[in-house]
Amino acid sequence: MRLTHFEPFRIADALQADYERRQSRQAAWRPAADIVEFADAFLVRLDVPGVGSDAIDIETDKGLLRVSGERAAFAGSDDARLTRNERLSGKFVRRFTLPETADVDAIRAQARDGILEIRIPKLAEVQPRKISVEAA
């Protein structure tokens, strides 16, 4: 009997990766991301070691959060020769759908120790209120 590990989101992840690849043919790599939901905010964490904060662009448009950037390749020199290249370099693009509860105007980002953290606060919930009917 052969057991297979079932990953229900594998197809969705593959479709998302394919979509992102088609949208940005120039993207050379795709940083791993975690999304954490808190009561008052969402936190998106991306692994971007070797990418300076000046090389990262974050934009929102029509309910999408787009994170792009570039990690420089090894430049080399006359006396240095690259004998093994396992670290991906070049441009990357990640897109995330923002929920309707996201406060787009209050999004903040911080890069530290190779991890980019994007904090997306939630809008205050609109509480239902009772409207009284006045007599004319």
Protein backbone atom coordinates (compact mmCIF):
# COMPACT_ATOMS: atom_id res chain seq x y z
CA MET A 1 0.00 0.00 0.00
CA ARG A 2 1.36 3.38 -0.97
CA LEU A 3 0.47 6.44 1.08
CA THR A 4 0.38 9.82 -0.60
CA HIS A 5 0.54 13.11 1.26
CA PHE A 6 -2.57 15.12 0.37
CA GLU A 7 -2.10 18.86 -0.04
CA PRO A 8 -5.48 20.43 -0.81
CA PHE A 9 -4.07 23.81 -1.82
CA ARG A 10 -1.33 22.50 -4.11
CA ILE A 11 -3.45 23.08 -7.23
CA ALA A 12 -4.40 26.60 -6.12
CA ASP A 13 -0.75 27.42 -5.38
CA ALA A 14 0.31 26.07 -8.77
CA LEU A 15 -2.37 28.13 -10.53
CA GLN A 16 -1.33 31.26 -8.60
CA ALA A 17 2.33 30.69 -9.48
CA ASP A 18 1.46 30.13 -13.14
CA TYR A 19 -0.66 33.30 -13.19
CA GLU A 20 2.13 35.35 -11.64
CA ARG A 21 4.67 33.91 -14.07
CA ARG A 22 2.47 34.82 -17.04
CA GLN A 23 1.80 38.33 -15.70
CA SER A 24 5.48 39.08 -15.27
CA ARG A 25 7.64 37.16 -17.71
CA GLN A 26 10.64 38.98 -16.26
CA ALA A 27 10.20 37.47 -12.78
CA ALA A 28 13.11 35.16 -12.03
CA TRP A 29 12.14 33.96 -8.57
CA ARG A 30 9.22 33.97 -6.14
CA PRO A 31 9.82 34.69 -2.44
CA ALA A 32 7.95 32.48 0.02
CA ALA A 33 5.12 34.23 1.87
CA ASP A 34 3.11 33.73 5.06
CA ILE A 35 -0.16 35.51 5.81
CA VAL A 36 -1.27 35.85 9.43
CA GLU A 37 -4.65 37.24 10.46
CA PHE A 38 -5.06 39.11 13.74
CA ALA A 39 -8.24 40.61 15.17
CA ASP A 40 -7.29 44.08 13.92
CA ALA A 41 -4.93 43.42 10.99
CA PHE A 42 -3.35 41.06 8.48
CA LEU A 43 0.39 40.48 8.35
CA VAL A 44 2.10 39.41 5.12
CA ARG A 45 5.66 38.13 5.61
CA LEU A 46 7.94 37.53 2.62
CA ASP A 47 11.42 35.97 2.62
CA VAL A 48 13.62 38.43 0.71
CA PRO A 49 17.21 37.86 1.88
CA GLY A 50 19.73 39.96 0.05
CA VAL A 51 17.13 42.45 -1.17
CA GLY A 52 17.51 45.99 0.12
CA SER A 53 14.44 47.99 1.10
CA ASP A 54 15.21 50.43 -1.72
CA ALA A 55 14.87 47.56 -4.24
CA ILE A 56 11.30 46.69 -3.13
CA ASP A 57 8.11 48.30 -4.48
CA ILE A 58 4.71 47.83 -2.85
CA GLU A 59 1.53 49.03 -4.57
CA THR A 60 -2.21 48.63 -4.10
CA ASP A 61 -4.70 48.90 -6.91
CA LYS A 62 -8.29 47.68 -7.26
CA GLY A 63 -8.16 45.28 -4.34
CA LEU A 64 -4.72 43.85 -5.12
CA LEU A 65 -1.47 44.19 -3.18
CA ARG A 66 1.52 43.93 -5.52
CA VAL A 67 5.01 43.40 -4.10
CA SER A 68 7.92 43.50 -6.54
CA GLY A 69 11.64 43.90 -6.35
CA GLU A 70 15.00 42.67 -7.48
CA ARG A 71 17.92 40.80 -5.94
CA ALA A 72 21.23 41.59 -7.60
CA ALA A 73 23.25 38.76 -9.10
CA PHE A 74 26.87 38.11 -8.17
CA ALA A 75 28.84 40.73 -10.07
CA GLY A 76 32.15 38.90 -10.13
CA SER A 77 35.50 40.40 -11.01
CA ASP A 78 38.65 39.57 -12.96
CA ASP A 79 40.09 37.51 -10.11
CA ALA A 80 36.81 35.85 -9.00
CA ARG A 81 34.90 33.17 -10.82
CA LEU A 82 31.48 31.84 -9.82
CA THR A 83 31.83 28.05 -9.61
CA ARG A 84 28.37 27.28 -8.23
CA ASN A 85 25.18 29.31 -8.46
CA GLU A 86 22.25 28.08 -6.32
CA ARG A 87 20.89 31.42 -5.12
CA LEU A 88 18.25 32.83 -7.42
CA SER A 89 18.60 36.46 -8.42
CA GLY A 90 16.73 38.90 -10.58
CA LYS A 91 13.24 40.34 -10.41
CA PHE A 92 10.30 38.99 -8.43
CA VAL A 93 6.59 39.80 -8.28
CA ARG A 94 3.97 38.62 -5.77
CA ARG A 95 0.29 39.60 -5.84
CA PHE A 96 -2.25 39.19 -3.06
CA THR A 97 -5.97 39.86 -3.10
CA LEU A 98 -6.93 42.30 -0.36
CA PRO A 99 -10.09 41.61 1.63
CA GLU A 100 -12.85 44.22 1.67
CA THR A 101 -12.06 44.87 5.33
CA ALA A 102 -8.50 46.07 4.55
CA ASP A 103 -7.66 49.69 5.37
CA VAL A 104 -5.56 50.38 2.26
CA ASP A 105 -4.56 53.88 3.39
CA ALA A 106 -2.93 52.57 6.58
CA ILE A 107 -0.74 49.79 5.13
CA ARG A 108 2.81 49.84 6.49
CA ALA A 109 5.90 47.81 5.52
CA GLN A 110 9.18 47.06 7.25
CA ALA A 111 12.19 45.00 6.14
CA ARG A 112 14.41 43.39 8.78
CA ASP A 113 16.78 40.41 8.74
CA GLY A 114 15.77 39.37 5.23
CA ILE A 115 12.05 39.36 6.01
CA LEU A 116 9.62 41.92 4.61
CA GLU A 117 6.59 42.46 6.85
CA ILE A 118 3.56 44.23 5.43
CA ARG A 119 0.92 45.12 8.02
CA ILE A 120 -2.57 45.64 6.61
CA PRO A 121 -4.94 47.05 9.25
CA LYS A 122 -8.61 46.16 9.14
CA LEU A 123 -11.31 48.79 8.87
CA ALA A 124 -13.45 49.30 11.95
CA GLU A 125 -16.58 47.23 11.66
CA VAL A 126 -19.72 49.12 10.91
CA GLN A 127 -22.15 48.43 13.73
CA PRO A 128 -25.82 48.05 12.90
CA ARG A 129 -27.95 50.82 14.31
CA LYS A 130 -31.64 51.19 14.82
CA ILE A 131 -33.33 54.08 13.08
CA SER A 132 -36.41 55.45 14.74
CA VAL A 133 -39.39 56.58 12.68
CA GLU A 134 -40.65 60.03 13.51
CA ALA A 135 -44.28 61.04 13.21
CA ALA A 136 -44.99 63.79 10.70
